[in-house]
Amino acid sequence: LAVYDEDLARKLDAYKAQMSEEVIRKDAALQ
């Protein structure tokens, strides 16, 4: 649906960025 819905695409981009940040935080905690 986000292919033609820029607002939805932005929400998905933010969600993916949040997932990435969580992995980076977990790696830092592991280190």
ModelCIF file with pLDDT and N, C-alpha, C, O atoms, coordinates in Angstrom:
data_MODEL
#
_entry.id   MODEL 
#
_entity.id                         1 
_entity.type                       polymer 
_entity.pdbx_number_of_molecules   1 
#
_entity_poly.entity_id                      1 
_entity_poly.type                           'polypeptide(L)' 
_entity_poly.nstd_linkage                   no 
_entity_poly.nstd_monomer                   no 
_entity_poly.pdbx_seq_one_letter_code       LAVYDEDLARKLDAYKAQMSEEVIRKDAALQ 
_entity_poly.pdbx_seq_one_letter_code_can   LAVYDEDLARKLDAYKAQMSEEVIRKDAALQ 
_entity_poly.pdbx_strand_id                 A 
#
loop_
_entity_poly_seq.entity_id 
_entity_poly_seq.num 
_entity_poly_seq.mon_id 
_entity_poly_seq.hetero 
1 1  LEU n 
1 2  ALA n 
1 3  VAL n 
1 4  TYR n 
1 5  ASP n 
1 6  GLU n 
1 7  ASP n 
1 8  LEU n 
1 9  ALA n 
1 10 ARG n 
1 11 LYS n 
1 12 LEU n 
1 13 ASP n 
1 14 ALA n 
1 15 TYR n 
1 16 LYS n 
1 17 ALA n 
1 18 GLN n 
1 19 MET n 
1 20 SER n 
1 21 GLU n 
1 22 GLU n 
1 23 VAL n 
1 24 ILE n 
1 25 ARG n 
1 26 LYS n 
1 27 ASP n 
1 28 ALA n 
1 29 ALA n 
1 30 LEU n 
1 31 GLN n 
#
_struct_asym.id          A 
_struct_asym.entity_id   1 
#
loop_
_ma_qa_metric.id 
_ma_qa_metric.mode 
_ma_qa_metric.name 
_ma_qa_metric.software_group_id 
_ma_qa_metric.type 
1 global pLDDT . pLDDT 
2 local  pLDDT . pLDDT 
#
_ma_qa_metric_global.metric_id      1 
_ma_qa_metric_global.metric_value   97.00 
_ma_qa_metric_global.model_id       1 
_ma_qa_metric_global.ordinal_id     1 
#
loop_
_ma_qa_metric_local.label_asym_id 
_ma_qa_metric_local.label_comp_id 
_ma_qa_metric_local.label_seq_id 
_ma_qa_metric_local.metric_id 
_ma_qa_metric_local.metric_value 
_ma_qa_metric_local.model_id 
_ma_qa_metric_local.ordinal_id 
A LEU 1  2 97.00 1 1  
A ALA 2  2 97.00 1 2  
A VAL 3  2 95.00 1 3  
A TYR 4  2 92.00 1 4  
A ASP 5  2 94.00 1 5  
A GLU 6  2 95.00 1 6  
A ASP 7  2 95.00 1 7  
A LEU 8  2 96.00 1 8  
A ALA 9  2 97.00 1 9  
A ARG 10 2 97.00 1 10 
A LYS 11 2 97.00 1 11 
A LEU 12 2 98.00 1 12 
A ASP 13 2 98.00 1 13 
A ALA 14 2 98.00 1 14 
A TYR 15 2 98.00 1 15 
A LYS 16 2 98.00 1 16 
A ALA 17 2 98.00 1 17 
A GLN 18 2 98.00 1 18 
A MET 19 2 98.00 1 19 
A SER 20 2 98.00 1 20 
A GLU 21 2 98.00 1 21 
A GLU 22 2 98.00 1 22 
A VAL 23 2 98.00 1 23 
A ILE 24 2 98.00 1 24 
A ARG 25 2 98.00 1 25 
A LYS 26 2 98.00 1 26 
A ASP 27 2 98.00 1 27 
A ALA 28 2 97.00 1 28 
A ALA 29 2 97.00 1 29 
A LEU 30 2 97.00 1 30 
A GLN 31 2 96.00 1 31 
#
loop_
_atom_site.group_PDB 
_atom_site.id 
_atom_site.type_symbol 
_atom_site.label_atom_id 
_atom_site.label_alt_id 
_atom_site.label_comp_id 
_atom_site.label_asym_id 
_atom_site.label_entity_id 
_atom_site.label_seq_id 
_atom_site.pdbx_PDB_ins_code 
_atom_site.Cartn_x 
_atom_site.Cartn_y 
_atom_site.Cartn_z 
_atom_site.occupancy 
_atom_site.B_iso_or_equiv 
_atom_site.pdbx_formal_charge 
_atom_site.auth_seq_id 
_atom_site.auth_comp_id 
_atom_site.auth_asym_id 
_atom_site.auth_atom_id 
_atom_site.pdbx_PDB_model_num 
ATOM 1   N N  . LEU A 1 1  ? 0.829  -1.207 0.000  1.00 97.00 ? 1  LEU A N  1 
ATOM 2   C CA . LEU A 1 1  ? 0.000  0.000  0.000  1.00 97.00 ? 1  LEU A CA 1 
ATOM 3   C C  . LEU A 1 1  ? 0.861  1.255  0.000  1.00 97.00 ? 1  LEU A C  1 
ATOM 4   O O  . LEU A 1 1  ? 0.464  2.285  -0.544 1.00 97.00 ? 1  LEU A O  1 
ATOM 5   N N  . ALA A 1 2  ? 2.044  1.169  0.611  1.00 97.00 ? 2  ALA A N  1 
ATOM 6   C CA . ALA A 1 2  ? 2.923  2.331  0.728  1.00 97.00 ? 2  ALA A CA 1 
ATOM 7   C C  . ALA A 1 2  ? 3.580  2.722  -0.592 1.00 97.00 ? 2  ALA A C  1 
ATOM 8   O O  . ALA A 1 2  ? 4.172  3.798  -0.688 1.00 97.00 ? 2  ALA A O  1 
ATOM 9   N N  . VAL A 1 3  ? 3.488  1.879  -1.595 1.00 95.00 ? 3  VAL A N  1 
ATOM 10  C CA . VAL A 1 3  ? 4.053  2.221  -2.898 1.00 95.00 ? 3  VAL A CA 1 
ATOM 11  C C  . VAL A 1 3  ? 3.472  3.552  -3.393 1.00 95.00 ? 3  VAL A C  1 
ATOM 12  O O  . VAL A 1 3  ? 4.181  4.344  -4.014 1.00 95.00 ? 3  VAL A O  1 
ATOM 13  N N  . TYR A 1 4  ? 2.206  3.793  -3.122 1.00 92.00 ? 4  TYR A N  1 
ATOM 14  C CA . TYR A 1 4  ? 1.549  5.019  -3.566 1.00 92.00 ? 4  TYR A CA 1 
ATOM 15  C C  . TYR A 1 4  ? 1.086  5.905  -2.419 1.00 92.00 ? 4  TYR A C  1 
ATOM 16  O O  . TYR A 1 4  ? 0.332  6.853  -2.636 1.00 92.00 ? 4  TYR A O  1 
ATOM 17  N N  . ASP A 1 5  ? 1.522  5.612  -1.218 1.00 94.00 ? 5  ASP A N  1 
ATOM 18  C CA . ASP A 1 5  ? 1.107  6.395  -0.053 1.00 94.00 ? 5  ASP A CA 1 
ATOM 19  C C  . ASP A 1 5  ? 2.362  6.845  0.685  1.00 94.00 ? 5  ASP A C  1 
ATOM 20  O O  . ASP A 1 5  ? 2.960  6.074  1.435  1.00 94.00 ? 5  ASP A O  1 
ATOM 21  N N  . GLU A 1 6  ? 2.756  8.095  0.469  1.00 95.00 ? 6  GLU A N  1 
ATOM 22  C CA . GLU A 1 6  ? 4.002  8.607  1.039  1.00 95.00 ? 6  GLU A CA 1 
ATOM 23  C C  . GLU A 1 6  ? 3.975  8.640  2.567  1.00 95.00 ? 6  GLU A C  1 
ATOM 24  O O  . GLU A 1 6  ? 4.997  8.381  3.202  1.00 95.00 ? 6  GLU A O  1 
ATOM 25  N N  . ASP A 1 7  ? 2.836  8.952  3.164  1.00 95.00 ? 7  ASP A N  1 
ATOM 26  C CA . ASP A 1 7  ? 2.744  8.969  4.622  1.00 95.00 ? 7  ASP A CA 1 
ATOM 27  C C  . ASP A 1 7  ? 2.991  7.578  5.193  1.00 95.00 ? 7  ASP A C  1 
ATOM 28  O O  . ASP A 1 7  ? 3.717  7.420  6.175  1.00 95.00 ? 7  ASP A O  1 
ATOM 29  N N  . LEU A 1 8  ? 2.394  6.591  4.583  1.00 96.00 ? 8  LEU A N  1 
ATOM 30  C CA . LEU A 1 8  ? 2.592  5.212  5.024  1.00 96.00 ? 8  LEU A CA 1 
ATOM 31  C C  . LEU A 1 8  ? 4.048  4.789  4.812  1.00 96.00 ? 8  LEU A C  1 
ATOM 32  O O  . LEU A 1 8  ? 4.619  4.092  5.651  1.00 96.00 ? 8  LEU A O  1 
ATOM 33  N N  . ALA A 1 9  ? 4.645  5.204  3.702  1.00 97.00 ? 9  ALA A N  1 
ATOM 34  C CA . ALA A 1 9  ? 6.049  4.882  3.436  1.00 97.00 ? 9  ALA A CA 1 
ATOM 35  C C  . ALA A 1 9  ? 6.951  5.495  4.507  1.00 97.00 ? 9  ALA A C  1 
ATOM 36  O O  . ALA A 1 9  ? 7.905  4.855  4.949  1.00 97.00 ? 9  ALA A O  1 
ATOM 37  N N  . ARG A 1 10 ? 6.661  6.718  4.925  1.00 97.00 ? 10 ARG A N  1 
ATOM 38  C CA . ARG A 1 10 ? 7.457  7.356  5.984  1.00 97.00 ? 10 ARG A CA 1 
ATOM 39  C C  . ARG A 1 10 ? 7.332  6.579  7.297  1.00 97.00 ? 10 ARG A C  1 
ATOM 40  O O  . ARG A 1 10 ? 8.315  6.410  8.018  1.00 97.00 ? 10 ARG A O  1 
ATOM 41  N N  . LYS A 1 11 ? 6.125  6.111  7.603  1.00 97.00 ? 11 LYS A N  1 
ATOM 42  C CA . LYS A 1 11 ? 5.943  5.320  8.824  1.00 97.00 ? 11 LYS A CA 1 
ATOM 43  C C  . LYS A 1 11 ? 6.764  4.025  8.761  1.00 97.00 ? 11 LYS A C  1 
ATOM 44  O O  . LYS A 1 11 ? 7.366  3.617  9.754  1.00 97.00 ? 11 LYS A O  1 
ATOM 45  N N  . LEU A 1 12 ? 6.781  3.393  7.599  1.00 98.00 ? 12 LEU A N  1 
ATOM 46  C CA . LEU A 1 12 ? 7.559  2.168  7.436  1.00 98.00 ? 12 LEU A CA 1 
ATOM 47  C C  . LEU A 1 12 ? 9.055  2.457  7.544  1.00 98.00 ? 12 LEU A C  1 
ATOM 48  O O  . LEU A 1 12 ? 9.793  1.685  8.155  1.00 98.00 ? 12 LEU A O  1 
ATOM 49  N N  . ASP A 1 13 ? 9.502  3.559  6.958  1.00 98.00 ? 13 ASP A N  1 
ATOM 50  C CA . ASP A 1 13 ? 10.916 3.926  7.059  1.00 98.00 ? 13 ASP A CA 1 
ATOM 51  C C  . ASP A 1 13 ? 11.307 4.147  8.519  1.00 98.00 ? 13 ASP A C  1 
ATOM 52  O O  . ASP A 1 13 ? 12.369 3.702  8.954  1.00 98.00 ? 13 ASP A O  1 
ATOM 53  N N  . ALA A 1 14 ? 10.456 4.830  9.267  1.00 98.00 ? 14 ALA A N  1 
ATOM 54  C CA . ALA A 1 14 ? 10.731 5.079  10.686 1.00 98.00 ? 14 ALA A CA 1 
ATOM 55  C C  . ALA A 1 14 ? 10.766 3.763  11.465 1.00 98.00 ? 14 ALA A C  1 
ATOM 56  O O  . ALA A 1 14 ? 11.609 3.581  12.343 1.00 98.00 ? 14 ALA A O  1 
ATOM 57  N N  . TYR A 1 15 ? 9.864  2.860  11.147 1.00 98.00 ? 15 TYR A N  1 
ATOM 58  C CA . TYR A 1 15 ? 9.820  1.552  11.802 1.00 98.00 ? 15 TYR A CA 1 
ATOM 59  C C  . TYR A 1 15 ? 11.117 0.781  11.544 1.00 98.00 ? 15 TYR A C  1 
ATOM 60  O O  . TYR A 1 15 ? 11.692 0.198  12.463 1.00 98.00 ? 15 TYR A O  1 
ATOM 61  N N  . LYS A 1 16 ? 11.573 0.782  10.287 1.00 98.00 ? 16 LYS A N  1 
ATOM 62  C CA . LYS A 1 16 ? 12.816 0.073  9.959  1.00 98.00 ? 16 LYS A CA 1 
ATOM 63  C C  . LYS A 1 16 ? 14.014 0.719  10.632 1.00 98.00 ? 16 LYS A C  1 
ATOM 64  O O  . LYS A 1 16 ? 14.923 0.018  11.079 1.00 98.00 ? 16 LYS A O  1 
ATOM 65  N N  . ALA A 1 17 ? 14.031 2.036  10.712 1.00 98.00 ? 17 ALA A N  1 
ATOM 66  C CA . ALA A 1 17 ? 15.121 2.735  11.402 1.00 98.00 ? 17 ALA A CA 1 
ATOM 67  C C  . ALA A 1 17 ? 15.119 2.374  12.883 1.00 98.00 ? 17 ALA A C  1 
ATOM 68  O O  . ALA A 1 17 ? 16.180 2.178  13.474 1.00 98.00 ? 17 ALA A O  1 
ATOM 69  N N  . GLN A 1 18 ? 13.944 2.287  13.480 1.00 98.00 ? 18 GLN A N  1 
ATOM 70  C CA . GLN A 1 18 ? 13.826 1.914  14.893 1.00 98.00 ? 18 GLN A CA 1 
ATOM 71  C C  . GLN A 1 18 ? 14.355 0.497  15.120 1.00 98.00 ? 18 GLN A C  1 
ATOM 72  O O  . GLN A 1 18 ? 15.062 0.242  16.095 1.00 98.00 ? 18 GLN A O  1 
ATOM 73  N N  . MET A 1 19 ? 14.010 -0.422 14.215 1.00 98.00 ? 19 MET A N  1 
ATOM 74  C CA . MET A 1 19 ? 14.523 -1.790 14.350 1.00 98.00 ? 19 MET A CA 1 
ATOM 75  C C  . MET A 1 19 ? 16.044 -1.801 14.274 1.00 98.00 ? 19 MET A C  1 
ATOM 76  O O  . MET A 1 19 ? 16.695 -2.510 15.040 1.00 98.00 ? 19 MET A O  1 
ATOM 77  N N  . SER A 1 20 ? 16.615 -1.024 13.361 1.00 98.00 ? 20 SER A N  1 
ATOM 78  C CA . SER A 1 20 ? 18.058 -0.943 13.204 1.00 98.00 ? 20 SER A CA 1 
ATOM 79  C C  . SER A 1 20 ? 18.711 -0.395 14.472 1.00 98.00 ? 20 SER A C  1 
ATOM 80  O O  . SER A 1 20 ? 19.717 -0.927 14.942 1.00 98.00 ? 20 SER A O  1 
ATOM 81  N N  . GLU A 1 21 ? 18.136 0.663  15.016 1.00 98.00 ? 21 GLU A N  1 
ATOM 82  C CA . GLU A 1 21 ? 18.675 1.260  16.242 1.00 98.00 ? 21 GLU A CA 1 
ATOM 83  C C  . GLU A 1 21 ? 18.637 0.265  17.403 1.00 98.00 ? 21 GLU A C  1 
ATOM 84  O O  . GLU A 1 21 ? 19.555 0.230  18.223 1.00 98.00 ? 21 GLU A O  1 
ATOM 85  N N  . GLU A 1 22 ? 17.586 -0.537 17.473 1.00 98.00 ? 22 GLU A N  1 
ATOM 86  C CA . GLU A 1 22 ? 17.486 -1.539 18.546 1.00 98.00 ? 22 GLU A CA 1 
ATOM 87  C C  . GLU A 1 22 ? 18.607 -2.567 18.435 1.00 98.00 ? 22 GLU A C  1 
ATOM 88  O O  . GLU A 1 22 ? 19.187 -2.961 19.447 1.00 98.00 ? 22 GLU A O  1 
ATOM 89  N N  . VAL A 1 23 ? 18.915 -3.003 17.216 1.00 98.00 ? 23 VAL A N  1 
ATOM 90  C CA . VAL A 1 23 ? 19.981 -3.984 17.021 1.00 98.00 ? 23 VAL A CA 1 
ATOM 91  C C  . VAL A 1 23 ? 21.324 -3.367 17.391 1.00 98.00 ? 23 VAL A C  1 
ATOM 92  O O  . VAL A 1 23 ? 22.149 -4.024 18.027 1.00 98.00 ? 23 VAL A O  1 
ATOM 93  N N  . ILE A 1 24 ? 21.554 -2.121 17.005 1.00 98.00 ? 24 ILE A N  1 
ATOM 94  C CA . ILE A 1 24 ? 22.812 -1.444 17.333 1.00 98.00 ? 24 ILE A CA 1 
ATOM 95  C C  . ILE A 1 24 ? 22.957 -1.312 18.852 1.00 98.00 ? 24 ILE A C  1 
ATOM 96  O O  . ILE A 1 24 ? 24.042 -1.536 19.390 1.00 98.00 ? 24 ILE A O  1 
ATOM 97  N N  . ARG A 1 25 ? 21.867 -0.949 19.550 1.00 98.00 ? 25 ARG A N  1 
ATOM 98  C CA . ARG A 1 25 ? 21.902 -0.851 21.023 1.00 98.00 ? 25 ARG A CA 1 
ATOM 99  C C  . ARG A 1 25 ? 22.203 -2.215 21.653 1.00 98.00 ? 25 ARG A C  1 
ATOM 100 O O  . ARG A 1 25 ? 22.986 -2.313 22.598 1.00 98.00 ? 25 ARG A O  1 
ATOM 101 N N  . LYS A 1 26 ? 21.576 -3.257 21.121 1.00 98.00 ? 26 LYS A N  1 
ATOM 102 C CA . LYS A 1 26 ? 21.806 -4.597 21.676 1.00 98.00 ? 26 LYS A CA 1 
ATOM 103 C C  . LYS A 1 26 ? 23.248 -5.046 21.466 1.00 98.00 ? 26 LYS A C  1 
ATOM 104 O O  . LYS A 1 26 ? 23.837 -5.686 22.336 1.00 98.00 ? 26 LYS A O  1 
ATOM 105 N N  . ASP A 1 27 ? 23.814 -4.708 20.304 1.00 98.00 ? 27 ASP A N  1 
ATOM 106 C CA . ASP A 1 27 ? 25.207 -5.069 20.046 1.00 98.00 ? 27 ASP A CA 1 
ATOM 107 C C  . ASP A 1 27 ? 26.130 -4.307 20.994 1.00 98.00 ? 27 ASP A C  1 
ATOM 108 O O  . ASP A 1 27 ? 27.075 -4.883 21.533 1.00 98.00 ? 27 ASP A O  1 
ATOM 109 N N  . ALA A 1 28 ? 25.867 -3.028 21.199 1.00 97.00 ? 28 ALA A N  1 
ATOM 110 C CA . ALA A 1 28 ? 26.691 -2.238 22.115 1.00 97.00 ? 28 ALA A CA 1 
ATOM 111 C C  . ALA A 1 28 ? 26.616 -2.808 23.532 1.00 97.00 ? 28 ALA A C  1 
ATOM 112 O O  . ALA A 1 28 ? 27.634 -2.899 24.218 1.00 97.00 ? 28 ALA A O  1 
ATOM 113 N N  . ALA A 1 29 ? 25.424 -3.189 23.970 1.00 97.00 ? 29 ALA A N  1 
ATOM 114 C CA . ALA A 1 29 ? 25.257 -3.782 25.303 1.00 97.00 ? 29 ALA A CA 1 
ATOM 115 C C  . ALA A 1 29 ? 25.999 -5.106 25.393 1.00 97.00 ? 29 ALA A C  1 
ATOM 116 O O  . ALA A 1 29 ? 26.599 -5.413 26.423 1.00 97.00 ? 29 ALA A O  1 
ATOM 117 N N  . LEU A 1 30 ? 25.964 -5.887 24.329 1.00 97.00 ? 30 LEU A N  1 
ATOM 118 C CA . LEU A 1 30 ? 26.673 -7.163 24.306 1.00 97.00 ? 30 LEU A CA 1 
ATOM 119 C C  . LEU A 1 30 ? 28.181 -6.930 24.408 1.00 97.00 ? 30 LEU A C  1 
ATOM 120 O O  . LEU A 1 30 ? 28.872 -7.626 25.152 1.00 97.00 ? 30 LEU A O  1 
ATOM 121 N N  . GLN A 1 31 ? 28.685 -5.952 23.660 1.00 96.00 ? 31 GLN A N  1 
ATOM 122 C CA . GLN A 1 31 ? 30.116 -5.670 23.685 1.00 96.00 ? 31 GLN A CA 1 
ATOM 123 C C  . GLN A 1 31 ? 30.566 -5.271 25.091 1.00 96.00 ? 31 GLN A C  1 
ATOM 124 O O  . GLN A 1 31 ? 31.747 -4.996 25.306 1.00 96.00 ? 31 GLN A O  1 
#
